[in-house]
Amino acid sequence: MCSPEPINCFPVLMNILSNTFLRLFNSTARFRVWSELFYSRENTVLMNYIFFGLFTYLLVLAAGLPPLFAMSSVEDYKVRSTSC
């Protein structure tokens, strides 16, 4: 019933148990389980939104970090700190 891959065992077990309980209560409904790890079709529009969203986030991050390091150096210069 279960393939050697453990990821398939839980859905198969839940299918067997659910259908058994449905039969016990004289129901005509049945559960059907299939194993597909990820959605197989590529959604290019969604991938473009994700890419450009992450790209924009990285650009904002890249623009914001150098001034942070520069201000730290300026503060060190003002208080005349020295490194060991």
PDB file of N, CA and C in Angstrom:
ATOM      1  N   MET A   1       0.815  -1.202   0.000  1.00  0.00           N
ATOM      2  CA  MET A   1       0.000   0.000   0.000  1.00  0.00           C
ATOM      3  C   MET A   1       0.854   1.260   0.000  1.00  0.00           C
ATOM      4  N   CYS A   2       1.940   1.236   0.741  1.00  0.00           N
ATOM      5  CA  CYS A   2       2.827   2.401   0.792  1.00  0.00           C
ATOM      6  C   CYS A   2       4.061   2.127  -0.046  1.00  0.00           C
ATOM      7  N   SER A   3       4.484   3.144  -0.754  1.00  0.00           N
ATOM      8  CA  SER A   3       5.734   3.011  -1.491  1.00  0.00           C
ATOM      9  C   SER A   3       6.888   3.196  -0.503  1.00  0.00           C
ATOM     10  N   PRO A   4       8.100   2.932  -0.928  1.00  0.00           N
ATOM     11  CA  PRO A   4       9.246   3.094  -0.013  1.00  0.00           C
ATOM     12  C   PRO A   4       9.455   4.527   0.465  1.00  0.00           C
ATOM     13  N   GLU A   5       8.863   5.478  -0.239  1.00  0.00           N
ATOM     14  CA  GLU A   5       9.018   6.870   0.176  1.00  0.00           C
ATOM     15  C   GLU A   5       8.053   7.175   1.321  1.00  0.00           C
ATOM     16  N   PRO A   6       8.551   7.650   2.456  1.00  0.00           N
ATOM     17  CA  PRO A   6       7.665   7.889   3.609  1.00  0.00           C
ATOM     18  C   PRO A   6       6.665   9.009   3.395  1.00  0.00           C
ATOM     19  N   ILE A   7       6.899   9.882   2.426  1.00  0.00           N
ATOM     20  CA  ILE A   7       5.970  10.997   2.232  1.00  0.00           C
ATOM     21  C   ILE A   7       4.628  10.507   1.693  1.00  0.00           C
ATOM     22  N   ASN A   8       4.606   9.324   1.074  1.00  0.00           N
ATOM     23  CA  ASN A   8       3.367   8.799   0.518  1.00  0.00           C
ATOM     24  C   ASN A   8       2.551   8.009   1.530  1.00  0.00           C
ATOM     25  N   CYS A   9       3.141   7.582   2.625  1.00  0.00           N
ATOM     26  CA  CYS A   9       2.450   6.706   3.570  1.00  0.00           C
ATOM     27  C   CYS A   9       1.309   7.416   4.303  1.00  0.00           C
ATOM     28  N   PHE A  10       1.512   8.638   4.734  1.00  0.00           N
ATOM     29  CA  PHE A  10       0.481   9.312   5.514  1.00  0.00           C
ATOM     30  C   PHE A  10      -0.788   9.569   4.705  1.00  0.00           C
ATOM     31  N   PRO A  11      -0.695  10.080   3.476  1.00  0.00           N
ATOM     32  CA  PRO A  11      -1.941  10.262   2.709  1.00  0.00           C
ATOM     33  C   PRO A  11      -2.657   8.944   2.421  1.00  0.00           C
ATOM     34  N   VAL A  12      -1.913   7.881   2.162  1.00  0.00           N
ATOM     35  CA  VAL A  12      -2.540   6.588   1.898  1.00  0.00           C
ATOM     36  C   VAL A  12      -3.236   6.087   3.151  1.00  0.00           C
ATOM     37  N   LEU A  13      -2.589   6.219   4.304  1.00  0.00           N
ATOM     38  CA  LEU A  13      -3.184   5.795   5.567  1.00  0.00           C
ATOM     39  C   LEU A  13      -4.461   6.584   5.861  1.00  0.00           C
ATOM     40  N   MET A  14      -4.418   7.902   5.647  1.00  0.00           N
ATOM     41  CA  MET A  14      -5.601   8.727   5.886  1.00  0.00           C
ATOM     42  C   MET A  14      -6.731   8.365   4.924  1.00  0.00           C
ATOM     43  N   ASN A  15      -6.395   8.016   3.703  1.00  0.00           N
ATOM     44  CA  ASN A  15      -7.402   7.594   2.737  1.00  0.00           C
ATOM     45  C   ASN A  15      -8.073   6.299   3.186  1.00  0.00           C
ATOM     46  N   ILE A  16      -7.288   5.346   3.622  1.00  0.00           N
ATOM     47  CA  ILE A  16      -7.838   4.060   4.058  1.00  0.00           C
ATOM     48  C   ILE A  16      -8.733   4.248   5.279  1.00  0.00           C
ATOM     49  N   LEU A  17      -8.247   5.010   6.264  1.00  0.00           N
ATOM     50  CA  LEU A  17      -9.032   5.217   7.482  1.00  0.00           C
ATOM     51  C   LEU A  17     -10.320   5.997   7.205  1.00  0.00           C
ATOM     52  N   SER A  18     -10.225   7.036   6.388  1.00  0.00           N
ATOM     53  CA  SER A  18     -11.405   7.844   6.095  1.00  0.00           C
ATOM     54  C   SER A  18     -12.460   7.031   5.356  1.00  0.00           C
ATOM     55  N   ASN A  19     -12.042   6.274   4.374  1.00  0.00           N
ATOM     56  CA  ASN A  19     -12.998   5.463   3.625  1.00  0.00           C
ATOM     57  C   ASN A  19     -13.587   4.349   4.481  1.00  0.00           C
ATOM     58  N   THR A  20     -12.802   3.822   5.410  1.00  0.00           N
ATOM     59  CA  THR A  20     -13.318   2.798   6.320  1.00  0.00           C
ATOM     60  C   THR A  20     -14.411   3.383   7.218  1.00  0.00           C
ATOM     61  N   PHE A  21     -14.153   4.563   7.772  1.00  0.00           N
ATOM     62  CA  PHE A  21     -15.158   5.189   8.626  1.00  0.00           C
ATOM     63  C   PHE A  21     -16.405   5.569   7.835  1.00  0.00           C
ATOM     64  N   LEU A  22     -16.230   6.006   6.600  1.00  0.00           N
ATOM     65  CA  LEU A  22     -17.396   6.333   5.775  1.00  0.00           C
ATOM     66  C   LEU A  22     -18.237   5.089   5.510  1.00  0.00           C
ATOM     67  N   ARG A  23     -17.592   3.947   5.261  1.00  0.00           N
ATOM     68  CA  ARG A  23     -18.339   2.712   5.026  1.00  0.00           C
ATOM     69  C   ARG A  23     -19.044   2.249   6.290  1.00  0.00           C
ATOM     70  N   LEU A  24     -18.400   2.456   7.451  1.00  0.00           N
ATOM     71  CA  LEU A  24     -19.032   2.059   8.716  1.00  0.00           C
ATOM     72  C   LEU A  24     -20.331   2.827   8.953  1.00  0.00           C
ATOM     73  N   PHE A  25     -20.359   4.086   8.528  1.00  0.00           N
ATOM     74  CA  PHE A  25     -21.542   4.910   8.734  1.00  0.00           C
ATOM     75  C   PHE A  25     -22.476   4.902   7.520  1.00  0.00           C
ATOM     76  N   ASN A  26     -22.312   3.921   6.637  1.00  0.00           N
ATOM     77  CA  ASN A  26     -23.167   3.716   5.462  1.00  0.00           C
ATOM     78  C   ASN A  26     -23.243   4.939   4.550  1.00  0.00           C
ATOM     79  N   SER A  27     -22.139   5.569   4.339  1.00  0.00           N
ATOM     80  CA  SER A  27     -22.105   6.721   3.447  1.00  0.00           C
ATOM     81  C   SER A  27     -21.705   6.261   2.046  1.00  0.00           C
ATOM     82  N   THR A  28     -22.197   6.977   1.054  1.00  0.00           N
ATOM     83  CA  THR A  28     -21.828   6.644  -0.320  1.00  0.00           C
ATOM     84  C   THR A  28     -20.631   7.461  -0.804  1.00  0.00           C
ATOM     85  N   ALA A  29     -20.236   8.451  -0.029  1.00  0.00           N
ATOM     86  CA  ALA A  29     -19.096   9.281  -0.422  1.00  0.00           C
ATOM     87  C   ALA A  29     -17.794   8.530  -0.189  1.00  0.00           C
ATOM     88  N   ARG A  30     -16.791   8.855  -0.985  1.00  0.00           N
ATOM     89  CA  ARG A  30     -15.470   8.248  -0.845  1.00  0.00           C
ATOM     90  C   ARG A  30     -14.406   9.319  -1.017  1.00  0.00           C
ATOM     91  N   PHE A  31     -13.298   9.109  -0.343  1.00  0.00           N
ATOM     92  CA  PHE A  31     -12.141   9.973  -0.517  1.00  0.00           C
ATOM     93  C   PHE A  31     -11.200   9.342  -1.524  1.00  0.00           C
ATOM     94  N   ARG A  32     -10.591  10.179  -2.320  1.00  0.00           N
ATOM     95  CA  ARG A  32      -9.584   9.708  -3.247  1.00  0.00           C
ATOM     96  C   ARG A  32      -8.338  10.558  -3.035  1.00  0.00           C
ATOM     97  N   VAL A  33      -7.203   9.919  -2.865  1.00  0.00           N
ATOM     98  CA  VAL A  33      -5.952  10.618  -2.573  1.00  0.00           C
ATOM     99  C   VAL A  33      -4.965  10.326  -3.685  1.00  0.00           C
ATOM    100  N   TRP A  34      -4.281  11.342  -4.137  1.00  0.00           N
ATOM    101  CA  TRP A  34      -3.186  11.147  -5.082  1.00  0.00           C
ATOM    102  C   TRP A  34      -2.011  11.962  -4.596  1.00  0.00           C
ATOM    103  N   SER A  35      -0.858  11.536  -4.953  1.00  0.00           N
ATOM    104  CA  SER A  35       0.361  12.158  -4.454  1.00  0.00           C
ATOM    105  C   SER A  35       1.029  12.941  -5.574  1.00  0.00           C
ATOM    106  N   GLU A  36       1.066  14.237  -5.383  1.00  0.00           N
ATOM    107  CA  GLU A  36       1.794  15.108  -6.293  1.00  0.00           C
ATOM    108  C   GLU A  36       2.430  16.167  -5.413  1.00  0.00           C
ATOM    109  N   LEU A  37       3.751  16.196  -5.360  1.00  0.00           N
ATOM    110  CA  LEU A  37       4.421  17.035  -4.386  1.00  0.00           C
ATOM    111  C   LEU A  37       4.182  18.522  -4.616  1.00  0.00           C
ATOM    112  N   PHE A  38       4.286  18.954  -5.847  1.00  0.00           N
ATOM    113  CA  PHE A  38       4.117  20.364  -6.139  1.00  0.00           C
ATOM    114  C   PHE A  38       3.182  20.528  -7.323  1.00  0.00           C
ATOM    115  N   TYR A  39       2.657  21.725  -7.441  1.00  0.00           N
ATOM    116  CA  TYR A  39       1.796  22.023  -8.579  1.00  0.00           C
ATOM    117  C   TYR A  39       2.643  21.925  -9.845  1.00  0.00           C
ATOM    118  N   SER A  40       2.214  21.137 -10.800  1.00  0.00           N
ATOM    119  CA  SER A  40       3.080  20.801 -11.923  1.00  0.00           C
ATOM    120  C   SER A  40       3.161  21.890 -12.991  1.00  0.00           C
ATOM    121  N   ARG A  41       2.143  22.691 -13.162  1.00  0.00           N
ATOM    122  CA  ARG A  41       2.186  23.722 -14.193  1.00  0.00           C
ATOM    123  C   ARG A  41       2.891  24.959 -13.669  1.00  0.00           C
ATOM    124  N   GLU A  42       3.692  25.551 -14.520  1.00  0.00           N
ATOM    125  CA  GLU A  42       4.383  26.774 -14.124  1.00  0.00           C
ATOM    126  C   GLU A  42       3.484  27.967 -14.385  1.00  0.00           C
ATOM    127  N   ASN A  43       3.346  28.806 -13.396  1.00  0.00           N
ATOM    128  CA  ASN A  43       2.566  30.027 -13.530  1.00  0.00           C
ATOM    129  C   ASN A  43       3.560  31.165 -13.740  1.00  0.00           C
ATOM    130  N   THR A  44       3.761  31.561 -14.994  1.00  0.00           N
ATOM    131  CA  THR A  44       4.798  32.548 -15.301  1.00  0.00           C
ATOM    132  C   THR A  44       4.470  33.922 -14.743  1.00  0.00           C
ATOM    133  N   VAL A  45       3.198  34.281 -14.681  1.00  0.00           N
ATOM    134  CA  VAL A  45       2.823  35.588 -14.140  1.00  0.00           C
ATOM    135  C   VAL A  45       3.188  35.656 -12.663  1.00  0.00           C
ATOM    136  N   LEU A  46       2.875  34.595 -11.929  1.00  0.00           N
ATOM    137  CA  LEU A  46       3.211  34.557 -10.503  1.00  0.00           C
ATOM    138  C   LEU A  46       4.718  34.583 -10.305  1.00  0.00           C
ATOM    139  N   MET A  47       5.449  33.843 -11.126  1.00  0.00           N
ATOM    140  CA  MET A  47       6.904  33.827 -11.010  1.00  0.00           C
ATOM    141  C   MET A  47       7.490  35.211 -11.287  1.00  0.00           C
ATOM    142  N   ASN A  48       6.909  35.945 -12.241  1.00  0.00           N
ATOM    143  CA  ASN A  48       7.380  37.302 -12.524  1.00  0.00           C
ATOM    144  C   ASN A  48       7.120  38.231 -11.342  1.00  0.00           C
ATOM    145  N   TYR A  49       5.938  38.124 -10.731  1.00  0.00           N
ATOM    146  CA  TYR A  49       5.642  38.949  -9.558  1.00  0.00           C
ATOM    147  C   TYR A  49       6.615  38.648  -8.415  1.00  0.00           C
ATOM    148  N   ILE A  50       6.882  37.387  -8.193  1.00  0.00           N
ATOM    149  CA  ILE A  50       7.809  37.008  -7.124  1.00  0.00           C
ATOM    150  C   ILE A  50       9.207  37.534  -7.423  1.00  0.00           C
ATOM    151  N   PHE A  51       9.653  37.350  -8.666  1.00  0.00           N
ATOM    152  CA  PHE A  51      10.997  37.792  -9.037  1.00  0.00           C
ATOM    153  C   PHE A  51      11.143  39.297  -8.871  1.00  0.00           C
ATOM    154  N   PHE A  52      10.206  40.065  -9.435  1.00  0.00           N
ATOM    155  CA  PHE A  52      10.331  41.515  -9.357  1.00  0.00           C
ATOM    156  C   PHE A  52      10.110  42.037  -7.947  1.00  0.00           C
ATOM    157  N   GLY A  53       9.296  41.361  -7.162  1.00  0.00           N
ATOM    158  CA  GLY A  53       9.133  41.748  -5.767  1.00  0.00           C
ATOM    159  C   GLY A  53      10.418  41.554  -4.980  1.00  0.00           C
ATOM    160  N   LEU A  54      11.049  40.405  -5.158  1.00  0.00           N
ATOM    161  CA  LEU A  54      12.322  40.158  -4.470  1.00  0.00           C
ATOM    162  C   LEU A  54      13.427  41.069  -4.994  1.00  0.00           C
ATOM    163  N   PHE A  55      13.418  41.316  -6.296  1.00  0.00           N
ATOM    164  CA  PHE A  55      14.418  42.204  -6.890  1.00  0.00           C
ATOM    165  C   PHE A  55      14.298  43.614  -6.325  1.00  0.00           C
ATOM    166  N   THR A  56      13.064  44.110  -6.206  1.00  0.00           N
ATOM    167  CA  THR A  56      12.834  45.443  -5.637  1.00  0.00           C
ATOM    168  C   THR A  56      13.269  45.491  -4.179  1.00  0.00           C
ATOM    169  N   TYR A  57      12.954  44.442  -3.435  1.00  0.00           N
ATOM    170  CA  TYR A  57      13.352  44.382  -2.028  1.00  0.00           C
ATOM    171  C   TYR A  57      14.872  44.422  -1.899  1.00  0.00           C
ATOM    172  N   LEU A  58      15.571  43.680  -2.740  1.00  0.00           N
ATOM    173  CA  LEU A  58      17.030  43.672  -2.681  1.00  0.00           C
ATOM    174  C   LEU A  58      17.620  45.017  -3.083  1.00  0.00           C
ATOM    175  N   LEU A  59      17.000  45.694  -4.042  1.00  0.00           N
ATOM    176  CA  LEU A  59      17.489  47.025  -4.412  1.00  0.00           C
ATOM    177  C   LEU A  59      17.342  48.017  -3.262  1.00  0.00           C
ATOM    178  N   VAL A  60      16.207  47.972  -2.578  1.00  0.00           N
ATOM    179  CA  VAL A  60      16.005  48.866  -1.430  1.00  0.00           C
ATOM    180  C   VAL A  60      16.990  48.527  -0.326  1.00  0.00           C
ATOM    181  N   LEU A  61      17.204  47.245  -0.106  1.00  0.00           N
ATOM    182  CA  LEU A  61      18.159  46.819   0.906  1.00  0.00           C
ATOM    183  C   LEU A  61      19.574  47.252   0.549  1.00  0.00           C
ATOM    184  N   ALA A  62      19.940  47.090  -0.713  1.00  0.00           N
ATOM    185  CA  ALA A  62      21.279  47.484  -1.156  1.00  0.00           C
ATOM    186  C   ALA A  62      21.468  48.996  -1.073  1.00  0.00           C
ATOM    187  N   ALA A  63      20.401  49.755  -1.268  1.00  0.00           N
ATOM    188  CA  ALA A  63      20.514  51.209  -1.174  1.00  0.00           C
ATOM    189  C   ALA A  63      20.565  51.682   0.271  1.00  0.00           C
ATOM    190  N   GLY A  64      20.022  50.903   1.192  1.00  0.00           N
ATOM    191  CA  GLY A  64      19.954  51.343   2.579  1.00  0.00           C
ATOM    192  C   GLY A  64      21.113  50.924   3.451  1.00  0.00           C
ATOM    193  N   LEU A  65      21.810  49.875   3.096  1.00  0.00           N
ATOM    194  CA  LEU A  65      22.888  49.395   3.965  1.00  0.00           C
ATOM    195  C   LEU A  65      24.171  50.216   3.916  1.00  0.00           C
ATOM    196  N   PRO A  66      24.679  50.647   2.770  1.00  0.00           N
ATOM    197  CA  PRO A  66      25.934  51.425   2.780  1.00  0.00           C
ATOM    198  C   PRO A  66      25.889  52.690   3.628  1.00  0.00           C
ATOM    199  N   PRO A  67      24.794  53.474   3.613  1.00  0.00           N
ATOM    200  CA  PRO A  67      24.769  54.635   4.510  1.00  0.00           C
ATOM    201  C   PRO A  67      24.840  54.240   5.990  1.00  0.00           C
ATOM    202  N   LEU A  68      24.300  53.094   6.320  1.00  0.00           N
ATOM    203  CA  LEU A  68      24.363  52.637   7.699  1.00  0.00           C
ATOM    204  C   LEU A  68      25.808  52.403   8.121  1.00  0.00           C
ATOM    205  N   PHE A  69      26.576  51.758   7.269  1.00  0.00           N
ATOM    206  CA  PHE A  69      27.996  51.531   7.584  1.00  0.00           C
ATOM    207  C   PHE A  69      28.779  52.838   7.586  1.00  0.00           C
ATOM    208  N   ALA A  70      28.444  53.742   6.682  1.00  0.00           N
ATOM    209  CA  ALA A  70      29.142  55.026   6.633  1.00  0.00           C
ATOM    210  C   ALA A  70      28.876  55.831   7.891  1.00  0.00           C
ATOM    211  N   MET A  71      27.626  55.825   8.369  1.00  0.00           N
ATOM    212  CA  MET A  71      27.310  56.573   9.589  1.00  0.00           C
ATOM    213  C   MET A  71      28.027  55.982  10.789  1.00  0.00           C
ATOM    214  N   SER A  72      28.191  54.677  10.803  1.00  0.00           N
ATOM    215  CA  SER A  72      28.925  54.045  11.891  1.00  0.00           C
ATOM    216  C   SER A  72      30.374  54.507  11.893  1.00  0.00           C
ATOM    217  N   SER A  73      30.975  54.618  10.721  1.00  0.00           N
ATOM    218  CA  SER A  73      32.363  55.086  10.635  1.00  0.00           C
ATOM    219  C   SER A  73      32.477  56.539  11.044  1.00  0.00           C
ATOM    220  N   VAL A  74      31.491  57.364  10.679  1.00  0.00           N
ATOM    221  CA  VAL A  74      31.507  58.775  11.047  1.00  0.00           C
ATOM    222  C   VAL A  74      31.376  58.912  12.557  1.00  0.00           C
ATOM    223  N   GLU A  75      30.505  58.118  13.171  1.00  0.00           N
ATOM    224  CA  GLU A  75      30.361  58.168  14.624  1.00  0.00           C
ATOM    225  C   GLU A  75      31.657  57.754  15.314  1.00  0.00           C
ATOM    226  N   ASP A  76      32.306  56.727  14.790  1.00  0.00           N
ATOM    227  CA  ASP A  76      33.589  56.314  15.364  1.00  0.00           C
ATOM    228  C   ASP A  76      34.625  57.424  15.231  1.00  0.00           C
ATOM    229  N   TYR A  77      34.619  58.135  14.120  1.00  0.00           N
ATOM    230  CA  TYR A  77      35.564  59.218  13.910  1.00  0.00           C
ATOM    231  C   TYR A  77      35.279  60.364  14.884  1.00  0.00           C
ATOM    232  N   LYS A  78      34.002  60.653  15.129  1.00  0.00           N
ATOM    233  CA  LYS A  78      33.644  61.755  16.024  1.00  0.00           C
ATOM    234  C   LYS A  78      34.093  61.494  17.451  1.00  0.00           C
ATOM    235  N   VAL A  79      33.944  60.279  17.926  1.00  0.00           N
ATOM    236  CA  VAL A  79      34.330  59.978  19.304  1.00  0.00           C
ATOM    237  C   VAL A  79      35.787  59.533  19.394  1.00  0.00           C
ATOM    238  N   ARG A  80      36.469  59.553  18.274  1.00  0.00           N
ATOM    239  CA  ARG A  80      37.890  59.215  18.173  1.00  0.00           C
ATOM    240  C   ARG A  80      38.194  57.835  18.732  1.00  0.00           C
ATOM    241  N   SER A  81      37.371  56.872  18.330  1.00  0.00           N
ATOM    242  CA  SER A  81      37.617  55.506  18.788  1.00  0.00           C
ATOM    243  C   SER A  81      38.703  54.872  17.946  1.00  0.00           C
ATOM    244  N   THR A  82      39.442  53.992  18.571  1.00  0.00           N
ATOM    245  CA  THR A  82      40.505  53.282  17.864  1.00  0.00           C
ATOM    246  C   THR A  82      40.261  51.780  17.977  1.00  0.00           C
ATOM    247  N   SER A  83      40.660  51.073  16.959  1.00  0.00           N
ATOM    248  CA  SER A  83      40.498  49.614  17.008  1.00  0.00           C
ATOM    249  C   SER A  83      41.716  49.009  17.674  1.00  0.00           C
ATOM    250  N   CYS A  84      41.535  47.878  18.295  1.00  0.00           N
ATOM    251  CA  CYS A  84      42.612  47.241  19.048  1.00  0.00           C
ATOM    252  C   CYS A  84      43.629  46.603  18.168  1.00  0.00           C
TER     253      CYS A  84
END
